[in-house]
Amino acid sequence: MNHPADTSRSPLAEIWFAPRTTVRWVVRHDPNYLVIPLAVVAGVAGGVWNAVGLGLGPGGTFLLASAAGLMGGAWGVASLYLTGWALRVTGRWLGGQATPEEMRAAIAWGGVPAATALVLFVPALAADTLLSGGAQLAALASIGVAQMVLGVWSLVTLTAAIAEVQRFSAMRAFVNLALPGVLFGGIFLAIALVLGLLFILV
């Protein structure tokens, strides 16, 4: 099924202010609804803004952002599955009950505000190309603030979406979000320490 039966809803708009009820509606009607397209857009947005952060100037930024966007789309889908798996595994420790499809839906739909930051690339490129001095700095600063706000709000919607599919509180969902990073970060740190000790001793 490609589209939920109830076409009276606008989940892309509702996810911003009613993430739990929106995700509940999506997974009830079709947990795969727009999940892959949203993951691609999120990956493209991440790739583009990572390229912009390198600050290569208008021409270089556009070319690099285009290439990064293409690769980012593929990474967005891969990340969807990897993150979904990690959140399900760690979520079980907290009593989570999400199925793989429900978790992927929560990640894709919860990340809509952050993915929307892609549209800010056009005014950012225009400001970088057409403006200079204080006007350019003010424009880029405003875009940066908007991007930050979208990122923070996406954390809110993502936390609520995960809480919904895992069937637990928002606080547990926030811990669920943090656990994979803490776990894998701890593993990498332990490996680095062991390798460092081996290097010193040998």
Foldseek 3Di string as FASTA:
>chain_A
DADFPDPVDDLLVVLLPPLLVSLVVCVVRPLQHCLLVLLLLLQLLVQLVVLVVVPPALVSSVVSSVVSSVVRSVVSNVCLQVVLVLLVVLLVVVQFDADSSLSSSLLSSLQSLLSVLSVLVVQLSCLRPPHDDPSSVVSNVVSVVSNVVSVVSSLVSSLSSRCNRRVHDSVSSNVSSCVVVVVVVVVVVVVVVVVVVVVVVD
